[in-house]
Amino acid sequence: MEVPTPAPAQKNHVIYDPIYGFIKLNPIEWEIISSPFYQRLRWIKQLGFSCYVFPGAEHSRFHHSIGVMFNAHKILESCGRAVTEKELMDASCLTAECVYHKSLRLAALMHDMGTFMFSHTTEGSYIAYGETTNAKNGKGLPDDHENLGAFIIKNTDYPGGITYILKKYGISPQRISDLVKGVDESILANQILHSEVDCDRMDYLLRDAHYTGLSYGSYDRDYLLYHFQVKRVDNHDILTIRHNALHCVEDFLTSRFAWYSQVVRSPRGAKYDSIAERVCAHFLEKGYIYRYSELLDMIEKDPMKFYSFNDNYFMTAVHKHLLNGDLDKNPKIKDMAKVILLASGGKAIRCEEFKSRLLSQDDPQALEKYYKKAMAKFTEIEDFLKKKGGATDWVISDIPKKAIMFVKSPKNVARNSSTQLSNVLLDRDPVKIAMDDGSVKLLAEVENSLISKLFNSNNFIPNVYCSSSAYELLLSEGIIEGTFS
């Protein structure tokens, strides 16, 4: 009797992550990671120009995204919704439970697939330019990284393309796109991927702290993971955290609050991001860099060309157009280009109107009030420099229309919900606490929570930057008080 030859075992891949140790990848994940679309993320810094202040912050979107996938996996395990490792690694296993698990991992893995140069730094320029957003034959969608990523997932049905790979393994590209955008039919899945305590934030807080060398962002990940729990509310599964981990959740949220206040929004580093965003806007207007429609075309036809859309592409473009004299006719942009190329120059203005403030999120007028004051001062400075400034005297604003919050307040949830929810517990974003008596509450409503006393506070952090020559002029005329270096 002839003995059948056993089928070759599927090869699973393992990478070593500095935060979590060994992470196993199944065949579809490895094939996606090996594609030009994913490899591009190696060349995009996670924290934009923060490396100018924290030299260790050279880490990329590439391994951040793998870390996000791993956290999504660990949350599913904690909730009892994970399939076995054997099922997960088996490309032929397509049970509903296995597809759900694989899809969440894939969505987490690809949540930043459409990331722009230097991450969020240049994205604002593309959104403001709105080439395809405002096009007559367009869909009116923002020219942002989420829509670019969704386009990659759904419009690359050729060998090596993401759509092709997903279909090859029996995974729906539309489902992955919905998960990436946070609009999937599963509230639980949306919460794991997009909420105040989600797999994305769980990774970047620890990873960014590790690479900057700062303790901001630290929290007890293992303790938090152990206390995730699924609860049934109005016939929907929702993600909750058991009351035992209440103070761990608070540590997580306050770490994130401090991280944004002291690192992401710190004028010392954010200065370079804002300047780069302004240079990017100028380059889009002049056609010096790829516009959004060109990116869409490359995605459909030439993935290796799209691969070049990364940090190196932007810095090379800035350097090239500075050297060949293209910026000579715009001395302000020329000076900004030198600032981001040499990591020196430019000032962050300090005055009463640009101070950081804690505001009530339940009082929208408070934010509007201070936003208007900050913009009025910026306009005063801008007008002054137009009249008395020199050719290289520039000023740019980074005054947010939204403030940083600890958590959404119950009133905020009810007021800003995108759908008419029958129960605020079904809102995707806010943290829900599973109480010892079996009930579920929003974190902001838990009486022994510090957040219940702080949740109403928003952090408004306006920044305005100017050239070094403009700063000297503004200071001498008494228009400003001082600056951060």
Protein backbone atom coordinates (compact mmCIF):
# COMPACT_ATOMS: atom_id res chain seq x y z
CA MET A 1 0.00 0.00 0.00
CA GLU A 2 1.33 3.43 -0.95
CA VAL A 3 1.79 5.79 1.98
CA PRO A 4 0.56 9.34 1.14
CA THR A 5 3.15 12.06 1.34
CA PRO A 6 2.24 14.46 4.17
CA ALA A 7 1.45 18.02 3.11
CA PRO A 8 4.25 20.46 3.90
CA ALA A 9 3.71 22.32 7.14
CA GLN A 10 2.76 25.96 6.76
CA LYS A 11 5.63 28.22 7.64
CA ASN A 12 4.80 30.74 10.33
CA HIS A 13 7.01 33.75 10.85
CA VAL A 14 8.20 35.29 14.09
CA ILE A 15 9.61 38.74 14.73
CA TYR A 16 11.20 40.06 17.90
CA ASP A 17 9.73 43.32 19.17
CA PRO A 18 11.62 45.44 21.75
CA ILE A 19 8.40 46.09 23.69
CA TYR A 20 6.63 42.70 23.67
CA GLY A 21 9.23 40.13 22.68
CA PHE A 22 8.35 37.46 20.10
CA ILE A 23 5.27 38.06 17.91
CA LYS A 24 4.00 35.30 15.60
CA LEU A 25 2.61 36.17 12.18
CA ASN A 26 0.36 33.96 10.10
CA PRO A 27 0.80 33.53 6.30
CA ILE A 28 -1.55 36.35 5.24
CA GLU A 29 0.02 38.81 7.70
CA TRP A 30 3.52 37.94 6.49
CA GLU A 31 2.50 38.37 2.86
CA ILE A 32 0.99 41.77 3.60
CA ILE A 33 4.05 42.88 5.58
CA SER A 34 6.23 41.83 2.63
CA SER A 35 4.28 44.05 0.20
CA PRO A 36 5.55 47.48 -0.99
CA PHE A 37 2.57 49.12 0.73
CA TYR A 38 3.60 47.87 4.14
CA GLN A 39 7.38 48.06 3.70
CA ARG A 40 6.92 51.78 2.93
CA LEU A 41 6.04 52.27 6.61
CA ARG A 42 9.64 51.49 7.58
CA TRP A 43 10.58 54.90 6.20
CA ILE A 44 7.96 56.97 8.03
CA LYS A 45 8.80 58.15 11.54
CA GLN A 46 6.18 57.48 14.18
CA LEU A 47 6.65 60.86 15.89
CA GLY A 48 7.37 63.08 12.90
CA PHE A 49 10.04 65.66 13.70
CA SER A 50 10.12 64.88 17.44
CA CYS A 51 13.47 63.19 16.75
CA TYR A 52 14.91 66.72 16.54
CA VAL A 53 14.24 67.04 20.27
CA PHE A 54 14.47 63.37 21.30
CA PRO A 55 17.21 61.81 19.13
CA GLY A 56 16.11 58.28 20.01
CA ALA A 57 12.66 58.78 18.50
CA GLU A 58 13.63 57.28 15.15
CA HIS A 59 11.10 54.45 15.37
CA SER A 60 8.70 53.94 12.49
CA ARG A 61 5.06 53.26 11.69
CA PHE A 62 6.21 49.81 10.54
CA HIS A 63 6.78 48.20 13.91
CA HIS A 64 4.22 50.39 15.69
CA SER A 65 1.55 48.84 13.48
CA ILE A 66 2.76 45.32 14.26
CA GLY A 67 2.57 46.22 17.95
CA VAL A 68 -1.00 47.47 17.49
CA MET A 69 -1.90 44.13 15.89
CA PHE A 70 -0.38 42.28 18.83
CA ASN A 71 -2.36 44.33 21.34
CA ALA A 72 -5.61 43.71 19.44
CA HIS A 73 -4.79 40.00 19.66
CA LYS A 74 -4.12 40.19 23.41
CA ILE A 75 -7.38 42.06 24.06
CA LEU A 76 -9.31 39.34 22.20
CA GLU A 77 -7.55 36.74 24.32
CA SER A 78 -8.43 38.62 27.50
CA CYS A 79 -12.07 38.83 26.42
CA GLY A 80 -12.29 35.14 25.62
CA ARG A 81 -12.94 35.86 21.92
CA ALA A 82 -9.66 34.58 20.53
CA VAL A 83 -9.37 31.37 18.53
CA THR A 84 -6.54 28.93 19.16
CA GLU A 85 -3.08 29.61 17.83
CA LYS A 86 -3.43 26.58 15.54
CA GLU A 87 -6.60 28.02 13.98
CA LEU A 88 -5.11 31.51 13.73
CA MET A 89 -2.01 30.29 11.93
CA ASP A 90 -3.97 28.00 9.57
CA ALA A 91 -4.67 29.86 6.32
CA SER A 92 -7.48 27.44 5.50
CA CYS A 93 -9.39 27.99 8.77
CA LEU A 94 -12.29 30.31 7.88
CA THR A 95 -14.85 29.73 10.63
CA ALA A 96 -16.77 32.86 11.65
CA GLU A 97 -14.80 33.10 14.89
CA CYS A 98 -11.47 32.67 13.13
CA VAL A 99 -12.29 35.22 10.41
CA TYR A 100 -13.33 37.70 13.11
CA HIS A 101 -10.03 37.23 14.95
CA LYS A 102 -7.94 37.36 11.77
CA SER A 103 -9.82 40.43 10.51
CA LEU A 104 -9.21 42.38 13.72
CA ARG A 105 -5.52 41.57 13.60
CA LEU A 106 -5.35 42.59 9.94
CA ALA A 107 -7.22 45.86 10.51
CA ALA A 108 -4.89 46.70 13.39
CA LEU A 109 -1.89 45.79 11.24
CA MET A 110 -3.06 48.05 8.40
CA HIS A 111 -4.64 50.92 10.35
CA ASP A 112 -1.76 53.24 9.29
CA MET A 113 -1.34 51.91 5.74
CA GLY A 114 -2.17 55.34 4.26
CA THR A 115 0.13 57.32 6.55
CA PHE A 116 1.66 60.46 5.02
CA MET A 117 5.25 61.69 5.12
CA PHE A 118 6.39 62.19 8.72
CA SER A 119 3.08 60.70 9.89
CA HIS A 120 0.52 63.37 10.78
CA THR A 121 2.93 66.24 10.10
CA THR A 122 2.11 66.69 6.39
CA GLU A 123 -1.39 65.20 6.44
CA GLY A 124 -2.99 68.50 7.43
CA SER A 125 -1.60 70.11 4.26
CA TYR A 126 -3.22 67.47 2.06
CA ILE A 127 -6.55 67.80 3.89
CA ALA A 128 -6.49 71.61 3.60
CA TYR A 129 -5.52 71.48 -0.09
CA GLY A 130 -8.43 69.07 -0.62
CA GLU A 131 -7.65 68.22 -4.22
CA THR A 132 -9.96 65.20 -4.51
CA THR A 133 -12.28 66.34 -1.71
CA ASN A 134 -13.33 69.35 -3.77
CA ALA A 135 -13.22 67.65 -7.17
CA LYS A 136 -16.51 67.65 -9.06
CA ASN A 137 -16.28 63.93 -9.78
CA GLY A 138 -14.97 63.08 -6.31
CA LYS A 139 -16.77 61.59 -3.33
CA GLY A 140 -16.20 64.59 -1.09
CA LEU A 141 -14.09 62.54 1.32
CA PRO A 142 -11.18 64.15 3.17
CA ASP A 143 -7.76 63.66 1.61
CA ASP A 144 -6.56 61.98 4.80
CA HIS A 145 -4.64 58.85 5.79
CA GLU A 146 -7.76 56.84 6.68
CA ASN A 147 -9.29 57.22 3.21
CA LEU A 148 -5.93 56.66 1.54
CA GLY A 149 -5.48 53.47 3.56
CA ALA A 150 -9.01 52.30 2.74
CA PHE A 151 -8.28 52.93 -0.94
CA ILE A 152 -5.19 50.71 -0.74
CA ILE A 153 -7.18 47.95 0.94
CA LYS A 154 -9.99 48.00 -1.65
CA ASN A 155 -8.31 49.00 -4.94
CA THR A 156 -5.19 46.85 -5.30
CA ASP A 157 -6.61 43.65 -6.80
CA TYR A 158 -3.46 42.55 -8.60
CA PRO A 159 -0.63 40.15 -7.59
CA GLY A 160 1.15 41.64 -4.59
CA GLY A 161 -1.69 44.10 -3.92
CA ILE A 162 -3.46 44.19 -0.57
CA THR A 163 -6.91 43.53 -2.07
CA TYR A 164 -5.53 40.56 -3.96
CA ILE A 165 -3.86 39.10 -0.86
CA LEU A 166 -6.99 39.49 1.29
CA LYS A 167 -9.20 37.81 -1.30
CA LYS A 168 -6.63 35.05 -1.77
CA TYR A 169 -7.00 34.14 1.89
CA GLY A 170 -10.78 34.51 2.03
CA ILE A 171 -10.86 37.83 3.91
CA SER A 172 -13.23 40.64 2.85
CA PRO A 173 -11.40 43.87 1.85
CA GLN A 174 -14.58 45.86 2.59
CA ARG A 175 -14.73 44.42 6.12
CA ILE A 176 -11.10 45.34 6.76
CA SER A 177 -11.74 48.86 5.42
CA ASP A 178 -14.77 49.26 7.72
CA LEU A 179 -12.74 48.08 10.69
CA VAL A 180 -9.90 50.49 9.87
CA LYS A 181 -12.42 53.35 9.73
CA GLY A 182 -14.17 52.20 12.91
CA VAL A 183 -17.58 51.71 11.28
CA ASP A 184 -17.85 47.93 11.42
CA GLU A 185 -21.15 46.34 12.47
CA SER A 186 -19.39 44.94 15.55
CA ILE A 187 -19.25 47.60 18.28
CA LEU A 188 -16.78 45.40 20.16
CA ALA A 189 -14.40 45.32 17.20
CA ASN A 190 -14.64 49.09 16.72
CA GLN A 191 -13.87 49.64 20.41
CA ILE A 192 -10.81 47.39 20.34
CA LEU A 193 -9.46 49.38 17.39
CA HIS A 194 -10.79 52.90 18.11
CA SER A 195 -11.60 54.05 21.64
CA GLU A 196 -10.14 55.90 24.60
CA VAL A 197 -8.33 52.71 25.63
CA ASP A 198 -7.60 50.82 22.41
CA CYS A 199 -4.87 48.69 20.85
CA ASP A 200 -3.36 51.69 19.03
CA ARG A 201 -2.93 53.87 22.11
CA MET A 202 -1.78 50.91 24.16
CA ASP A 203 1.14 50.52 21.77
CA TYR A 204 2.23 54.05 21.01
CA LEU A 205 2.28 55.16 24.65
CA LEU A 206 4.78 52.43 25.59
CA ARG A 207 6.70 52.52 22.30
CA ASP A 208 7.08 56.28 22.16
CA ALA A 209 8.16 56.38 25.81
CA HIS A 210 10.73 53.67 25.11
CA TYR A 211 12.30 55.43 22.13
CA THR A 212 12.23 58.98 23.51
CA GLY A 213 13.63 57.78 26.84
CA LEU A 214 10.84 59.52 28.77
CA SER A 215 8.70 57.96 31.47
CA TYR A 216 5.59 59.70 30.12
CA GLY A 217 3.34 57.05 28.64
CA SER A 218 4.11 54.33 31.14
CA TYR A 219 1.23 52.20 32.45
CA ASP A 220 0.76 48.61 33.63
CA ARG A 221 -0.12 46.90 30.36
CA ASP A 222 -0.32 43.37 31.74
CA TYR A 223 -2.68 44.40 34.53
CA LEU A 224 -4.87 46.33 32.10
CA LEU A 225 -5.01 43.45 29.63
CA TYR A 226 -6.07 40.99 32.33
CA HIS A 227 -9.17 43.05 33.16
CA PHE A 228 -10.85 43.47 29.76
CA GLN A 229 -14.33 41.93 29.70
CA VAL A 230 -17.14 41.68 27.15
CA LYS A 231 -20.59 42.71 28.34
CA ARG A 232 -23.94 42.45 26.56
CA VAL A 233 -25.84 45.76 26.27
CA ASP A 234 -29.02 46.12 24.21
CA ASN A 235 -28.15 43.00 22.18
CA HIS A 236 -24.63 44.27 21.42
CA ASP A 237 -21.29 43.03 22.72
CA ILE A 238 -19.28 45.92 24.14
CA LEU A 239 -15.77 46.19 25.57
CA THR A 240 -15.52 46.97 29.27
CA ILE A 241 -12.77 46.98 31.88
CA ARG A 242 -13.43 45.42 35.27
CA HIS A 243 -13.62 47.80 38.23
CA ASN A 244 -10.52 46.18 39.79
CA ALA A 245 -8.41 47.90 37.12
CA LEU A 246 -9.98 51.33 37.64
CA HIS A 247 -6.77 53.05 38.73
CA CYS A 248 -4.78 51.31 36.01
CA VAL A 249 -7.16 52.84 33.44
CA GLU A 250 -6.69 56.22 35.10
CA ASP A 251 -2.90 55.85 34.86
CA PHE A 252 -3.30 55.05 31.17
CA LEU A 253 -5.48 58.10 30.48
CA THR A 254 -3.39 60.54 32.50
CA SER A 255 -0.25 59.21 30.80
CA ARG A 256 -1.81 59.91 27.43
CA PHE A 257 -2.93 63.36 28.58
CA ALA A 258 0.59 64.20 29.78
CA TRP A 259 2.14 62.71 26.63
CA TYR A 260 0.15 65.00 24.36
CA SER A 261 0.71 68.01 26.56
CA GLN A 262 4.42 67.56 27.21
CA VAL A 263 5.69 65.78 24.09
CA VAL A 264 3.36 65.85 21.07
CA ARG A 265 2.19 69.43 21.66
CA SER A 266 5.42 70.69 23.23
CA PRO A 267 6.47 73.74 21.19
CA ARG A 268 10.09 72.59 21.13
CA GLY A 269 9.27 69.67 18.88
CA ALA A 270 5.90 70.62 17.41
CA LYS A 271 7.59 73.71 15.94
CA TYR A 272 9.31 71.63 13.26
CA ASP A 273 6.13 69.73 12.45
CA SER A 274 4.18 72.96 11.92
CA ILE A 275 6.91 74.45 9.76
CA ALA A 276 7.13 71.27 7.68
CA GLU A 277 3.35 71.33 7.25
CA ARG A 278 3.54 74.88 5.89
CA VAL A 279 6.36 73.96 3.51
CA CYS A 280 4.34 70.93 2.38
CA ALA A 281 1.35 73.18 1.66
CA HIS A 282 3.55 75.41 -0.52
CA PHE A 283 4.95 72.40 -2.36
CA LEU A 284 1.45 71.09 -3.07
CA GLU A 285 0.41 74.45 -4.50
CA LYS A 286 3.49 74.51 -6.75
CA GLY A 287 3.25 70.86 -7.76
CA TYR A 288 6.66 70.06 -6.27
CA ILE A 289 5.40 66.88 -4.57
CA TYR A 290 2.79 64.22 -5.31
CA ARG A 291 -0.78 65.38 -5.01
CA TYR A 292 -3.52 63.13 -3.65
CA SER A 293 -4.85 62.12 -7.07
CA GLU A 294 -1.35 61.04 -8.08
CA LEU A 295 -1.12 58.90 -4.96
CA LEU A 296 -4.40 57.20 -5.83
CA ASP A 297 -3.16 56.55 -9.35
CA MET A 298 0.11 55.07 -8.09
CA ILE A 299 -1.73 52.81 -5.66
CA GLU A 300 -3.80 51.35 -8.50
CA LYS A 301 -0.98 51.06 -11.03
CA ASP A 302 2.51 51.33 -9.56
CA PRO A 303 2.98 50.23 -5.91
CA MET A 304 6.76 50.55 -6.08
CA LYS A 305 6.39 54.20 -7.03
CA PHE A 306 3.97 54.73 -4.15
CA TYR A 307 6.62 53.11 -1.92
CA SER A 308 8.71 56.26 -2.42
CA PHE A 309 6.06 58.43 -0.75
CA ASN A 310 7.85 58.59 2.59
CA ASP A 311 9.97 60.82 4.84
CA ASN A 312 13.03 60.56 2.59
CA TYR A 313 10.97 61.71 -0.39
CA PHE A 314 9.87 64.85 1.45
CA MET A 315 13.30 65.80 2.80
CA THR A 316 14.89 65.19 -0.61
CA ALA A 317 12.27 67.43 -2.24
CA VAL A 318 12.90 70.21 0.29
CA HIS A 319 16.65 69.96 -0.21
CA LYS A 320 16.40 69.82 -4.02
CA HIS A 321 14.12 72.84 -4.37
CA LEU A 322 16.24 74.83 -1.93
CA LEU A 323 19.45 74.10 -3.84
CA ASN A 324 18.10 74.72 -7.35
CA GLY A 325 16.72 78.14 -6.43
CA ASP A 326 13.00 77.31 -6.65
CA LEU A 327 12.48 78.88 -3.20
CA ASP A 328 14.41 82.10 -3.87
CA LYS A 329 11.22 83.90 -4.91
CA ASN A 330 9.64 83.05 -1.55
CA PRO A 331 12.19 83.94 1.16
CA LYS A 332 9.81 82.94 3.94
CA ILE A 333 9.42 79.37 2.64
CA LYS A 334 13.16 79.28 1.94
CA ASP A 335 13.90 80.15 5.58
CA MET A 336 11.41 77.50 6.78
CA ALA A 337 13.07 74.92 4.54
CA LYS A 338 16.43 75.65 6.15
CA VAL A 339 14.88 75.31 9.61
CA ILE A 340 13.61 71.78 8.97
CA LEU A 341 16.73 70.71 7.08
CA LEU A 342 19.16 71.93 9.73
CA ALA A 343 16.98 71.48 12.85
CA SER A 344 17.71 75.02 13.97
CA GLY A 345 16.02 78.41 13.83
CA GLY A 346 12.44 79.42 14.29
CA LYS A 347 10.86 80.42 17.59
CA ALA A 348 7.77 79.51 19.54
CA ILE A 349 6.07 82.68 20.74
CA ARG A 350 5.07 83.07 24.38
CA CYS A 351 2.34 85.49 25.41
CA GLU A 352 -0.86 85.53 27.46
CA GLU A 353 -3.08 84.59 24.53
CA PHE A 354 -1.00 81.51 23.71
CA LYS A 355 -0.91 79.97 27.20
CA SER A 356 -2.13 76.41 27.73
CA ARG A 357 -5.41 76.23 29.66
CA LEU A 358 -7.69 73.67 31.21
CA LEU A 359 -11.23 74.27 29.94
CA SER A 360 -14.61 72.65 30.47
CA GLN A 361 -15.58 70.30 27.64
CA ASP A 362 -19.23 70.77 28.56
CA ASP A 363 -18.89 74.48 27.82
CA PRO A 364 -18.06 74.78 24.10
CA GLN A 365 -18.10 78.55 24.45
CA ALA A 366 -15.02 78.43 26.69
CA LEU A 367 -12.97 76.82 23.92
CA GLU A 368 -14.40 79.18 21.33
CA LYS A 369 -13.57 82.16 23.56
CA TYR A 370 -9.88 81.31 23.98
CA TYR A 371 -9.56 80.14 20.39
CA LYS A 372 -10.79 83.54 19.19
CA LYS A 373 -8.43 85.37 21.55
CA ALA A 374 -5.47 83.32 20.32
CA MET A 375 -6.42 83.87 16.68
CA ALA A 376 -6.87 87.60 17.26
CA LYS A 377 -3.35 87.83 18.70
CA PHE A 378 -1.97 85.78 15.82
CA THR A 379 -3.68 88.10 13.32
CA GLU A 380 -2.22 91.12 15.13
CA ILE A 381 1.29 89.64 14.82
CA GLU A 382 0.72 88.66 11.20
CA ASP A 383 -0.52 92.14 10.26
CA PHE A 384 2.38 93.79 12.08
CA LEU A 385 4.95 91.71 10.19
CA LYS A 386 3.26 92.48 6.86
CA LYS A 387 3.71 96.19 7.56
CA LYS A 388 7.10 96.29 9.29
CA GLY A 389 8.70 92.90 8.75
CA GLY A 390 11.39 91.94 6.29
CA ALA A 391 11.29 89.42 3.47
CA THR A 392 12.17 86.49 5.74
CA ASP A 393 9.91 87.47 8.65
CA TRP A 394 7.24 84.76 8.78
CA VAL A 395 4.71 83.63 11.38
CA ILE A 396 2.52 80.49 11.36
CA SER A 397 -0.22 79.36 13.71
CA ASP A 398 -0.81 75.99 15.29
CA ILE A 399 -3.95 76.89 17.22
CA PRO A 400 -6.20 73.83 17.60
CA LYS A 401 -9.95 74.05 17.19
CA LYS A 402 -10.26 71.02 19.45
CA ALA A 403 -8.81 70.52 22.93
CA ILE A 404 -7.22 67.42 24.44
CA MET A 405 -9.55 65.57 26.82
CA PHE A 406 -9.13 62.93 29.51
CA VAL A 407 -12.33 61.16 28.47
CA LYS A 408 -15.59 62.16 26.86
CA SER A 409 -18.09 63.45 29.38
CA PRO A 410 -21.58 61.89 29.38
CA LYS A 411 -23.01 65.14 28.01
CA ASN A 412 -20.37 65.21 25.29
CA VAL A 413 -21.20 61.63 24.31
CA ALA A 414 -24.90 62.40 24.07
CA ARG A 415 -24.33 65.67 22.21
CA ASN A 416 -21.75 64.52 19.67
CA SER A 417 -22.74 60.95 18.96
CA SER A 418 -22.67 60.30 15.20
CA THR A 419 -25.79 58.19 15.53
CA GLN A 420 -28.89 58.47 17.64
CA LEU A 421 -27.90 55.92 20.26
CA SER A 422 -30.53 54.38 22.49
CA ASN A 423 -27.84 53.94 25.14
CA VAL A 424 -24.62 55.97 25.64
CA LEU A 425 -22.86 52.70 26.50
CA LEU A 426 -23.06 51.83 22.81
CA ASP A 427 -20.92 54.83 21.85
CA ARG A 428 -17.61 53.59 20.48
CA ASP A 429 -15.14 55.88 22.23
CA PRO A 430 -15.73 56.26 26.01
CA VAL A 431 -14.24 53.84 28.54
CA LYS A 432 -16.84 51.57 30.14
CA ILE A 433 -16.30 50.06 33.59
CA ALA A 434 -17.84 46.70 34.56
CA MET A 435 -18.91 47.15 38.19
CA ASP A 436 -18.81 44.42 40.82
CA ASP A 437 -22.62 44.23 40.88
CA GLY A 438 -22.71 43.38 37.16
CA SER A 439 -23.73 46.83 35.94
CA VAL A 440 -21.76 48.89 33.41
CA LYS A 441 -20.96 52.59 33.76
CA LEU A 442 -19.05 55.19 31.79
CA LEU A 443 -15.74 55.80 33.53
CA ALA A 444 -16.71 59.44 34.07
CA GLU A 445 -19.72 58.28 36.14
CA VAL A 446 -17.81 55.93 38.49
CA GLU A 447 -17.91 57.71 41.85
CA ASN A 448 -14.56 56.56 43.25
CA SER A 449 -12.73 57.43 40.06
CA LEU A 450 -10.34 60.39 39.89
CA ILE A 451 -11.49 60.82 36.31
CA SER A 452 -15.01 61.49 37.60
CA LYS A 453 -13.54 64.69 39.07
CA LEU A 454 -11.30 65.54 36.12
CA PHE A 455 -13.23 64.33 33.08
CA ASN A 456 -14.77 67.72 32.45
CA SER A 457 -11.33 69.25 31.83
CA ASN A 458 -9.92 69.80 28.35
CA ASN A 459 -6.38 70.97 27.67
CA PHE A 460 -6.20 73.80 25.15
CA ILE A 461 -2.61 74.16 23.86
CA PRO A 462 -2.18 76.91 21.25
CA ASN A 463 1.21 77.37 19.60
CA VAL A 464 2.42 80.10 17.26
CA TYR A 465 5.87 80.10 15.63
CA CYS A 466 7.90 82.72 13.82
CA SER A 467 11.29 83.16 12.18
CA SER A 468 14.23 84.19 14.34
CA SER A 469 14.39 87.61 12.67
CA ALA A 470 10.65 88.16 13.19
CA TYR A 471 11.01 87.25 16.85
CA GLU A 472 13.66 89.89 17.42
CA LEU A 473 11.47 92.51 15.76
CA LEU A 474 8.32 91.49 17.69
CA LEU A 475 10.22 91.51 20.97
CA SER A 476 11.80 94.91 20.37
CA GLU A 477 8.39 96.41 19.56
CA GLY A 478 6.78 94.91 22.67
CA ILE A 479 4.34 92.78 20.65
CA ILE A 480 5.39 89.57 22.46
CA GLU A 481 6.86 88.70 25.85
CA GLY A 482 9.33 85.92 25.08
CA THR A 483 9.81 82.52 23.55
CA PHE A 484 10.67 78.90 24.03
CA SER A 485 13.83 77.90 22.19
